[in-house]
Amino acid sequence: MERSLLGARVATYVYFVLCGTLMGAWVVHIPAAEERVGVSHATLGGLLVLLGLGAFAGMQVTGPLTDRLGARVVVPATAVLCGASLVLPGLAGGPWSLAGALLVFGACNGALDVSMNAHAVHVEKAYGRPVMSGFHATFSVGGVIAALVAAGATSVGGGPVATMAAIGGVSIVVALASARALMPAAAVAPDAEGDGEAGGIDASVPAASVAPAAGKSGGGGKSDVSVGAKTASHDSAARRNMTGRVWLLAVLALMVMLCEGAANDWSALHLRDVLGASTSTAAFAYGTFAAAMTVGRLLADRFVARFGSMAVLRHGAVMAAAGITLVALGPWMWAAFAGWALFGLGLSGTVPQLFSAAGHADPAAAGANVSRVAGLGYVGMLAGPAVIGWLTHVVALNHTFLLLTLLCVTTAVGAGVLRAERDPAPRDERAGVGH
């Protein structure tokens, strides 16, 4: 059992690395695609929106599908599709073909993203301790791998199409080889079917008080009906409460991922345009942010185990708010680097906690719930650069970052939604995923 659980965890790491590698392989080849297709920066920005729309659609379709078929089926299938579709943007010869290619690749990448996160929730549930942040850290490792492979291929004369095809092909082989180690579909107990909570009988009603009532003449039926009505009412209210909580998690994900998206696109420009740094020096702003986020995610699980996910979300958001405020108001280069490092470190543990809480809200619907949180979060990541761009028409670039301060503070205030978070140890057989 322990060996199979360890194998499932390692396989999950593999798929997170694959997802990061495949997305990174496209990102590093964006300049080549733009030059080949012959579009302006503005047109390319519009085309990249299609990548996000495809990802959002793929997430919404794949979440419920993962719950129905199981991650062992859906994760490798979506990884194969993502690997196969990677070469499509490289083959595009015009704006319309590139638009279609990005829509397809985005949908496949979004599908893989949600299905592997749903599987990560089940692995974490089986482990009985936090492991989600470590999975997200390996996604960043995949981006580094893609950059190194692309740089190596370029140095030996490899073109974008050949490089993307090679990365996609290797990813397909690795995805298929890792599939057997994934957890099978969660086993749902017969009395748990049809609801997202504790089963058909309210756990607060002692079984002994229900069973004798069925044997009484005359009043037994009335008692059964009364208990059944109370149970149905309780389950319905619990489901509504769970759904509302998941959407609140999604709103928090939108805010923190909007912050992350803004940092991805504007950190280097801030150093160059506001502080007068050279292009090469400015590039280290994003590098500092990304490195701090990766380190933070590697360490976050330990802090969650000791202090709880609510504390990690709240204090992480406060740290991020302090960091981005330093960036917005600090006139010195060192302050900017320190601010971007604090911003990345603070944000690092936030998204994994939100995804994890969404999946654990109802393990039988982990895929659907994660797709809601990830989908709205992805909208935030896409909107972040655009929102900052719009605000630069009104105020200076560095002052637009104060909006991110506000979002981080709001996230810290809303972190109480995790107070009612699940006990990481399995509470019922259905949540234990049958392992």
Protein backbone atom coordinates (compact mmCIF):
# COMPACT_ATOMS: atom_id res chain seq x y z
CA MET A 1 0.00 0.00 0.00
CA GLU A 2 2.77 2.43 0.99
CA ARG A 3 4.70 1.62 -2.17
CA SER A 4 1.65 2.22 -4.38
CA LEU A 5 0.95 5.52 -2.61
CA LEU A 6 4.55 6.63 -3.07
CA GLY A 7 4.32 5.64 -6.72
CA ALA A 8 1.15 7.73 -7.13
CA ARG A 9 2.90 10.72 -5.57
CA VAL A 10 5.94 10.37 -7.84
CA ALA A 11 3.68 10.00 -10.88
CA THR A 12 1.86 13.19 -9.88
CA TYR A 13 5.20 15.01 -9.73
CA VAL A 14 5.93 13.69 -13.23
CA TYR A 15 2.69 15.04 -14.67
CA PHE A 16 3.19 18.45 -13.05
CA VAL A 17 6.67 18.61 -14.60
CA LEU A 18 5.22 17.57 -17.97
CA CYS A 19 2.54 20.25 -17.80
CA GLY A 20 5.12 22.93 -16.99
CA THR A 21 7.48 21.66 -19.68
CA LEU A 22 4.82 21.66 -22.39
CA MET A 23 3.62 25.16 -21.55
CA GLY A 24 7.20 26.39 -21.22
CA ALA A 25 8.07 24.91 -24.62
CA TRP A 26 5.41 27.12 -26.19
CA VAL A 27 6.34 30.22 -24.17
CA VAL A 28 10.03 30.14 -25.15
CA HIS A 29 9.03 29.87 -28.82
CA ILE A 30 6.56 32.77 -28.81
CA PRO A 31 9.02 35.22 -30.45
CA ALA A 32 9.72 32.72 -33.25
CA ALA A 33 6.00 32.14 -33.82
CA GLU A 34 5.32 35.88 -33.92
CA GLU A 35 8.06 36.40 -36.51
CA ARG A 36 6.98 33.46 -38.67
CA VAL A 37 3.30 34.40 -38.71
CA GLY A 38 4.08 38.09 -39.16
CA VAL A 39 1.77 39.66 -36.58
CA SER A 40 2.18 42.72 -34.37
CA HIS A 41 2.54 42.63 -30.59
CA ALA A 42 -1.08 43.77 -30.26
CA THR A 43 -2.37 40.99 -32.52
CA LEU A 44 -0.25 38.44 -30.71
CA GLY A 45 -1.78 39.60 -27.43
CA GLY A 46 -5.23 38.91 -28.81
CA LEU A 47 -4.17 35.48 -30.02
CA LEU A 48 -2.78 34.62 -26.60
CA VAL A 49 -6.21 35.35 -25.12
CA LEU A 50 -7.46 32.40 -27.17
CA LEU A 51 -4.92 30.20 -25.38
CA GLY A 52 -6.51 31.25 -22.10
CA LEU A 53 -10.05 30.77 -23.36
CA GLY A 54 -9.18 27.30 -24.58
CA ALA A 55 -7.64 26.47 -21.20
CA PHE A 56 -10.72 27.71 -19.36
CA ALA A 57 -13.02 25.61 -21.56
CA GLY A 58 -10.81 22.55 -21.16
CA MET A 59 -10.87 22.94 -17.37
CA GLN A 60 -14.65 23.12 -17.17
CA VAL A 61 -15.14 20.03 -19.35
CA THR A 62 -12.42 17.91 -17.77
CA GLY A 63 -13.21 18.54 -14.09
CA PRO A 64 -16.50 16.59 -14.00
CA LEU A 65 -15.05 14.05 -16.46
CA THR A 66 -12.24 13.31 -14.01
CA ASP A 67 -14.77 12.72 -11.24
CA ARG A 68 -16.71 10.33 -13.47
CA LEU A 69 -13.91 8.32 -15.11
CA GLY A 70 -11.11 8.71 -12.57
CA ALA A 71 -7.73 10.43 -12.79
CA ARG A 72 -5.94 7.25 -13.89
CA VAL A 73 -7.85 7.48 -17.19
CA VAL A 74 -8.13 11.23 -17.68
CA VAL A 75 -4.67 12.46 -16.58
CA PRO A 76 -2.61 10.39 -19.05
CA ALA A 77 -5.18 10.95 -21.82
CA THR A 78 -5.01 14.73 -21.42
CA ALA A 79 -1.21 14.60 -21.17
CA VAL A 80 -1.03 12.71 -24.46
CA LEU A 81 -3.37 15.23 -26.12
CA CYS A 82 -1.35 18.13 -24.73
CA GLY A 83 1.90 16.62 -25.98
CA ALA A 84 0.43 15.97 -29.41
CA SER A 85 -1.02 19.48 -29.73
CA LEU A 86 2.21 21.27 -28.71
CA VAL A 87 3.58 21.20 -32.27
CA LEU A 88 0.45 22.84 -33.74
CA PRO A 89 1.44 26.47 -32.93
CA GLY A 90 4.86 25.72 -34.43
CA LEU A 91 3.27 24.56 -37.68
CA ALA A 92 0.90 27.55 -37.96
CA GLY A 93 1.63 29.67 -41.04
CA GLY A 94 -0.83 32.52 -40.50
CA PRO A 95 -2.87 34.31 -37.85
CA TRP A 96 -5.98 32.15 -38.29
CA SER A 97 -4.13 28.85 -38.12
CA LEU A 98 -2.19 30.09 -35.08
CA ALA A 99 -5.47 31.10 -33.44
CA GLY A 100 -6.89 27.61 -33.93
CA ALA A 101 -3.66 25.97 -32.76
CA LEU A 102 -3.56 28.03 -29.57
CA LEU A 103 -7.21 27.32 -28.84
CA VAL A 104 -6.60 23.56 -29.13
CA PHE A 105 -3.32 23.59 -27.20
CA GLY A 106 -4.85 25.78 -24.49
CA ALA A 107 -7.80 23.41 -24.09
CA CYS A 108 -5.52 20.38 -23.78
CA ASN A 109 -3.21 22.12 -21.32
CA GLY A 110 -6.14 23.29 -19.20
CA ALA A 111 -7.56 19.77 -19.20
CA LEU A 112 -4.25 18.33 -18.00
CA ASP A 113 -3.94 21.07 -15.38
CA VAL A 114 -7.30 20.32 -13.74
CA SER A 115 -7.11 16.53 -13.93
CA MET A 116 -3.62 16.35 -12.39
CA ASN A 117 -4.65 18.77 -9.61
CA ALA A 118 -7.71 16.62 -8.88
CA HIS A 119 -5.44 13.58 -8.62
CA ALA A 120 -3.07 15.55 -6.38
CA VAL A 121 -5.99 16.19 -4.01
CA HIS A 122 -6.61 12.43 -3.70
CA VAL A 123 -2.91 11.77 -3.11
CA GLU A 124 -2.83 14.42 -0.38
CA LYS A 125 -5.97 12.94 1.18
CA ALA A 126 -4.42 9.48 1.26
CA TYR A 127 -1.18 10.80 2.73
CA GLY A 128 -3.03 12.61 5.51
CA ARG A 129 -0.65 15.57 5.38
CA PRO A 130 -0.04 18.56 3.08
CA VAL A 131 1.81 17.78 -0.16
CA MET A 132 0.06 20.03 -2.68
CA SER A 133 2.57 22.89 -2.70
CA GLY A 134 5.39 20.53 -3.62
CA PHE A 135 3.47 19.43 -6.70
CA HIS A 136 3.06 23.04 -7.81
CA ALA A 137 6.77 23.69 -7.30
CA THR A 138 7.62 21.01 -9.86
CA PHE A 139 5.48 22.80 -12.45
CA SER A 140 8.07 25.60 -12.33
CA VAL A 141 10.83 23.02 -12.76
CA GLY A 142 9.15 22.00 -16.01
CA GLY A 143 9.43 25.55 -17.30
CA VAL A 144 13.16 25.54 -16.57
CA ILE A 145 13.55 22.22 -18.41
CA ALA A 146 11.76 23.64 -21.46
CA ALA A 147 14.03 26.69 -21.52
CA LEU A 148 17.19 24.58 -21.27
CA VAL A 149 16.06 22.16 -23.98
CA ALA A 150 15.09 25.01 -26.31
CA ALA A 151 18.41 26.76 -25.73
CA GLY A 152 20.32 23.54 -26.42
CA ALA A 153 18.33 22.82 -29.57
CA THR A 154 18.92 26.33 -30.87
CA SER A 155 22.66 26.06 -30.27
CA VAL A 156 22.85 22.99 -32.52
CA GLY A 157 20.61 24.46 -35.20
CA GLY A 158 17.31 22.86 -34.21
CA GLY A 159 14.22 24.74 -35.40
CA PRO A 160 11.12 25.50 -33.31
CA VAL A 161 8.95 22.86 -35.01
CA ALA A 162 11.49 20.08 -34.49
CA THR A 163 12.09 21.11 -30.89
CA MET A 164 8.39 21.30 -30.03
CA ALA A 165 7.69 18.01 -31.78
CA ALA A 166 10.52 16.31 -29.88
CA ILE A 167 9.37 17.67 -26.51
CA GLY A 168 5.79 16.68 -27.27
CA GLY A 169 6.81 13.17 -28.35
CA VAL A 170 8.93 12.54 -25.26
CA SER A 171 6.11 13.88 -23.08
CA ILE A 172 3.66 11.40 -24.61
CA VAL A 173 5.98 8.48 -23.88
CA VAL A 174 6.57 9.63 -20.28
CA ALA A 175 2.85 10.22 -19.74
CA LEU A 176 1.91 6.72 -20.88
CA ALA A 177 4.73 5.13 -18.88
CA SER A 178 3.61 6.90 -15.67
CA ALA A 179 -0.11 6.12 -16.01
CA ARG A 180 -0.09 2.79 -14.15
CA ALA A 181 1.21 4.43 -10.97
CA LEU A 182 -1.77 6.79 -10.69
CA MET A 183 -4.55 6.10 -8.20
CA PRO A 184 -7.66 4.39 -9.55
CA ALA A 185 -11.04 6.11 -9.35
CA ALA A 186 -12.31 6.84 -5.85
CA ALA A 187 -14.61 4.18 -4.47
CA VAL A 188 -17.99 5.66 -3.50
CA ALA A 189 -19.95 3.77 -0.88
CA PRO A 190 -23.50 2.83 -1.87
CA ASP A 191 -25.06 5.06 0.78
CA ALA A 192 -22.93 7.99 -0.35
CA GLU A 193 -24.11 8.05 -3.95
CA GLY A 194 -26.17 10.95 -5.04
CA ASP A 195 -24.91 13.46 -2.52
CA GLY A 196 -21.69 15.27 -1.88
CA GLU A 197 -21.65 14.91 1.88
CA ALA A 198 -21.68 12.13 4.45
CA GLY A 199 -24.09 9.72 2.86
CA GLY A 200 -27.82 9.08 2.88
CA ILE A 201 -28.31 9.18 6.67
CA ASP A 202 -27.44 12.21 8.74
CA ALA A 203 -24.42 11.31 10.85
CA SER A 204 -25.90 13.34 13.69
CA VAL A 205 -28.84 10.90 13.96
CA PRO A 206 -27.79 7.77 15.89
CA ALA A 207 -28.41 4.61 13.90
CA ALA A 208 -30.07 2.99 16.91
CA SER A 209 -32.72 5.70 17.03
CA VAL A 210 -33.61 5.14 13.39
CA ALA A 211 -33.68 1.36 13.18
CA PRO A 212 -36.15 0.69 16.01
CA ALA A 213 -38.53 3.26 14.60
CA ALA A 214 -38.88 1.22 11.44
CA GLY A 215 -40.10 -1.73 13.46
CA LYS A 216 -42.85 0.09 15.33
CA SER A 217 -46.38 -0.33 14.11
CA GLY A 218 -48.39 2.68 13.15
CA GLY A 219 -45.93 5.48 13.99
CA GLY A 220 -42.84 3.88 12.43
CA GLY A 221 -43.51 5.14 8.93
CA LYS A 222 -44.14 8.63 10.18
CA SER A 223 -40.87 8.58 12.12
CA ASP A 224 -38.94 7.37 9.06
CA VAL A 225 -40.46 10.11 6.92
CA SER A 226 -39.56 12.73 9.52
CA VAL A 227 -35.95 11.54 9.80
CA GLY A 228 -35.66 11.30 6.01
CA ALA A 229 -37.00 14.82 5.54
CA LYS A 230 -34.59 16.24 8.10
CA THR A 231 -31.70 14.38 6.50
CA ALA A 232 -32.59 15.60 3.00
CA SER A 233 -32.90 19.17 4.28
CA HIS A 234 -29.56 18.93 6.07
CA ASP A 235 -27.80 17.50 3.00
CA SER A 236 -29.30 20.14 0.72
CA ALA A 237 -28.16 22.96 3.01
CA ALA A 238 -24.70 21.39 3.32
CA ARG A 239 -24.36 21.15 -0.46
CA ARG A 240 -25.36 24.80 -0.88
CA ASN A 241 -22.86 25.83 1.76
CA MET A 242 -20.12 23.76 0.12
CA THR A 243 -20.85 25.24 -3.33
CA GLY A 244 -20.76 28.78 -1.95
CA ARG A 245 -17.45 28.07 -0.20
CA VAL A 246 -15.93 26.70 -3.41
CA TRP A 247 -16.89 29.85 -5.32
CA LEU A 248 -15.41 32.00 -2.56
CA LEU A 249 -12.19 30.02 -2.94
CA ALA A 250 -12.41 30.71 -6.68
CA VAL A 251 -12.70 34.46 -6.10
CA LEU A 252 -9.61 34.37 -3.86
CA ALA A 253 -7.79 32.37 -6.56
CA LEU A 254 -8.74 35.01 -9.13
CA MET A 255 -7.18 37.74 -6.96
CA VAL A 256 -3.89 35.99 -6.16
CA MET A 257 -3.44 34.66 -9.70
CA LEU A 258 -4.14 38.15 -11.09
CA CYS A 259 -1.22 39.29 -8.93
CA GLU A 260 0.94 36.48 -10.29
CA GLY A 261 0.02 37.29 -13.89
CA ALA A 262 0.86 40.97 -13.37
CA ALA A 263 4.29 40.04 -11.97
CA ASN A 264 4.99 37.72 -14.90
CA ASP A 265 4.50 40.44 -17.49
CA TRP A 266 5.38 43.71 -15.74
CA SER A 267 8.21 43.00 -13.28
CA ALA A 268 11.01 43.39 -15.84
CA LEU A 269 9.35 46.44 -17.45
CA HIS A 270 9.08 48.08 -14.03
CA LEU A 271 12.84 47.94 -13.49
CA ARG A 272 13.61 49.11 -17.01
CA ASP A 273 11.03 51.89 -17.43
CA VAL A 274 10.66 53.16 -13.86
CA LEU A 275 14.11 52.61 -12.31
CA GLY A 276 16.15 52.89 -15.52
CA ALA A 277 17.78 49.45 -15.37
CA SER A 278 19.31 47.88 -18.45
CA THR A 279 17.35 45.19 -20.26
CA SER A 280 19.66 42.46 -18.97
CA THR A 281 19.38 43.67 -15.37
CA ALA A 282 15.62 44.13 -15.64
CA ALA A 283 15.22 40.49 -16.64
CA PHE A 284 16.43 39.48 -13.18
CA ALA A 285 13.30 41.07 -11.66
CA TYR A 286 11.11 38.28 -13.00
CA GLY A 287 13.85 35.75 -12.24
CA THR A 288 13.88 36.89 -8.62
CA PHE A 289 10.10 36.64 -8.37
CA ALA A 290 9.98 33.18 -9.99
CA ALA A 291 12.86 31.79 -7.93
CA ALA A 292 11.30 33.04 -4.68
CA MET A 293 7.97 31.48 -5.65
CA THR A 294 9.58 28.12 -6.43
CA VAL A 295 11.52 28.06 -3.15
CA GLY A 296 8.39 29.06 -1.25
CA ARG A 297 6.38 26.22 -2.76
CA LEU A 298 9.08 23.70 -1.91
CA LEU A 299 8.84 24.79 1.74
CA ALA A 300 5.14 25.60 2.02
CA ASP A 301 3.91 22.08 2.82
CA ARG A 302 5.97 22.04 6.03
CA PHE A 303 4.46 25.32 7.14
CA VAL A 304 0.95 24.11 6.31
CA ALA A 305 1.52 20.96 8.37
CA ARG A 306 2.67 23.04 11.35
CA PHE A 307 0.51 26.16 11.20
CA GLY A 308 -2.42 25.25 8.95
CA SER A 309 -3.47 26.33 5.47
CA MET A 310 -5.38 29.39 6.70
CA ALA A 311 -2.24 30.79 8.34
CA VAL A 312 -0.17 30.15 5.20
CA LEU A 313 -2.75 31.87 3.01
CA ARG A 314 -3.24 34.84 5.35
CA HIS A 315 0.39 35.51 6.27
CA GLY A 316 1.53 34.78 2.71
CA ALA A 317 -0.92 37.38 1.38
CA VAL A 318 0.29 39.91 3.97
CA MET A 319 3.91 39.23 2.97
CA ALA A 320 3.01 39.65 -0.70
CA ALA A 321 1.22 42.92 0.08
CA ALA A 322 4.31 44.24 1.85
CA GLY A 323 6.55 43.16 -1.03
CA ILE A 324 4.54 44.72 -3.83
CA THR A 325 4.09 47.94 -1.80
CA LEU A 326 7.86 48.14 -1.50
CA VAL A 327 8.09 47.72 -5.29
CA ALA A 328 5.46 50.40 -5.88
CA LEU A 329 6.92 53.04 -3.59
CA GLY A 330 10.64 52.19 -3.32
CA PRO A 331 12.95 54.39 -5.43
CA TRP A 332 15.96 52.07 -5.18
CA MET A 333 16.96 49.08 -7.26
CA TRP A 334 17.67 46.92 -4.21
CA ALA A 335 14.22 47.71 -2.86
CA ALA A 336 12.64 46.54 -6.11
CA PHE A 337 14.49 43.21 -6.05
CA ALA A 338 13.67 42.71 -2.37
CA GLY A 339 10.03 43.58 -3.07
CA TRP A 340 9.67 41.15 -5.96
CA ALA A 341 11.30 38.42 -3.86
CA LEU A 342 8.86 39.02 -0.97
CA PHE A 343 5.97 39.16 -3.45
CA GLY A 344 6.89 35.78 -4.95
CA LEU A 345 7.57 34.19 -1.58
CA GLY A 346 4.26 35.41 -0.19
CA LEU A 347 2.19 34.27 -3.17
CA SER A 348 3.95 30.90 -3.42
CA GLY A 349 1.77 29.01 -0.97
CA THR A 350 -1.57 30.67 -1.70
CA VAL A 351 -2.78 28.97 -4.87
CA PRO A 352 -1.94 25.39 -3.73
CA GLN A 353 -3.98 25.92 -0.55
CA LEU A 354 -6.98 27.17 -2.50
CA PHE A 355 -6.83 24.27 -4.98
CA SER A 356 -6.40 21.79 -2.15
CA ALA A 357 -9.32 23.19 -0.14
CA ALA A 358 -11.57 23.09 -3.22
CA GLY A 359 -10.74 19.45 -3.89
CA HIS A 360 -11.21 18.40 -0.28
CA ALA A 361 -14.54 20.23 0.05
CA ASP A 362 -16.11 17.13 -1.56
CA PRO A 363 -13.64 14.41 -2.62
CA ALA A 364 -16.29 12.80 -4.86
CA ALA A 365 -16.47 16.05 -6.88
CA ALA A 366 -12.82 17.09 -6.56
CA GLY A 367 -12.39 17.54 -10.31
CA ALA A 368 -15.45 19.75 -10.74
CA ASN A 369 -14.57 21.91 -7.73
CA VAL A 370 -10.92 22.30 -8.72
CA SER A 371 -12.03 23.26 -12.25
CA ARG A 372 -14.12 26.12 -10.82
CA VAL A 373 -11.28 27.47 -8.71
CA ALA A 374 -8.60 26.93 -11.36
CA GLY A 375 -10.81 28.31 -14.12
CA LEU A 376 -11.59 31.58 -12.35
CA GLY A 377 -7.97 31.80 -11.19
CA TYR A 378 -6.80 31.43 -14.79
CA VAL A 379 -9.08 34.30 -15.78
CA GLY A 380 -7.32 36.39 -13.15
CA MET A 381 -3.88 35.43 -14.43
CA LEU A 382 -4.87 36.47 -17.96
CA ALA A 383 -6.52 39.67 -16.76
CA GLY A 384 -3.63 40.79 -14.56
CA PRO A 385 -1.31 42.10 -17.30
CA ALA A 386 -4.21 43.77 -19.11
CA VAL A 387 -5.53 45.49 -15.97
CA ILE A 388 -2.10 46.90 -15.16
CA GLY A 389 -1.75 48.03 -18.77
CA TRP A 390 -5.06 49.88 -18.66
CA LEU A 391 -4.15 51.58 -15.39
CA THR A 392 -0.89 52.92 -16.86
CA HIS A 393 -3.04 55.30 -18.92
CA VAL A 394 -4.09 56.92 -15.65
CA VAL A 395 -1.15 56.59 -13.23
CA ALA A 396 2.53 55.68 -13.33
CA LEU A 397 3.40 52.00 -13.75
CA ASN A 398 4.80 51.57 -10.26
CA HIS A 399 1.69 53.11 -8.69
CA THR A 400 -0.57 50.65 -10.52
CA PHE A 401 0.96 47.94 -8.33
CA LEU A 402 -0.94 49.37 -5.36
CA LEU A 403 -3.98 47.60 -6.80
CA LEU A 404 -2.11 44.35 -6.19
CA THR A 405 -1.53 45.46 -2.61
CA LEU A 406 -5.27 45.89 -2.21
CA LEU A 407 -5.98 42.44 -3.67
CA CYS A 408 -3.43 40.81 -1.35
CA VAL A 409 -4.91 42.53 1.70
CA THR A 410 -8.39 41.42 0.63
CA THR A 411 -7.12 37.86 0.28
CA ALA A 412 -5.66 37.99 3.79
CA VAL A 413 -9.02 39.14 5.15
CA GLY A 414 -10.84 36.38 3.24
CA ALA A 415 -8.44 33.64 4.36
CA GLY A 416 -10.92 32.73 7.10
CA VAL A 417 -12.75 30.62 4.51
CA LEU A 418 -10.09 27.98 5.18
CA ARG A 419 -10.88 27.94 8.90
CA ALA A 420 -13.46 25.23 8.29
CA GLU A 421 -10.98 23.25 6.21
CA ARG A 422 -10.95 19.49 6.28
CA ASP A 423 -8.85 17.37 8.55
CA PRO A 424 -6.06 16.17 6.24
CA ALA A 425 -6.53 12.60 7.49
CA PRO A 426 -9.25 10.61 5.70
CA ARG A 427 -12.55 10.88 7.55
CA ASP A 428 -14.49 8.25 5.65
CA GLU A 429 -13.85 5.38 3.32
CA ARG A 430 -15.08 7.30 0.32
CA ALA A 431 -12.55 10.08 0.86
CA GLY A 432 -9.78 7.54 1.34
CA VAL A 433 -9.97 6.73 -2.36
CA GLY A 434 -9.87 3.01 -1.68
CA HIS A 435 -6.10 2.68 -1.23
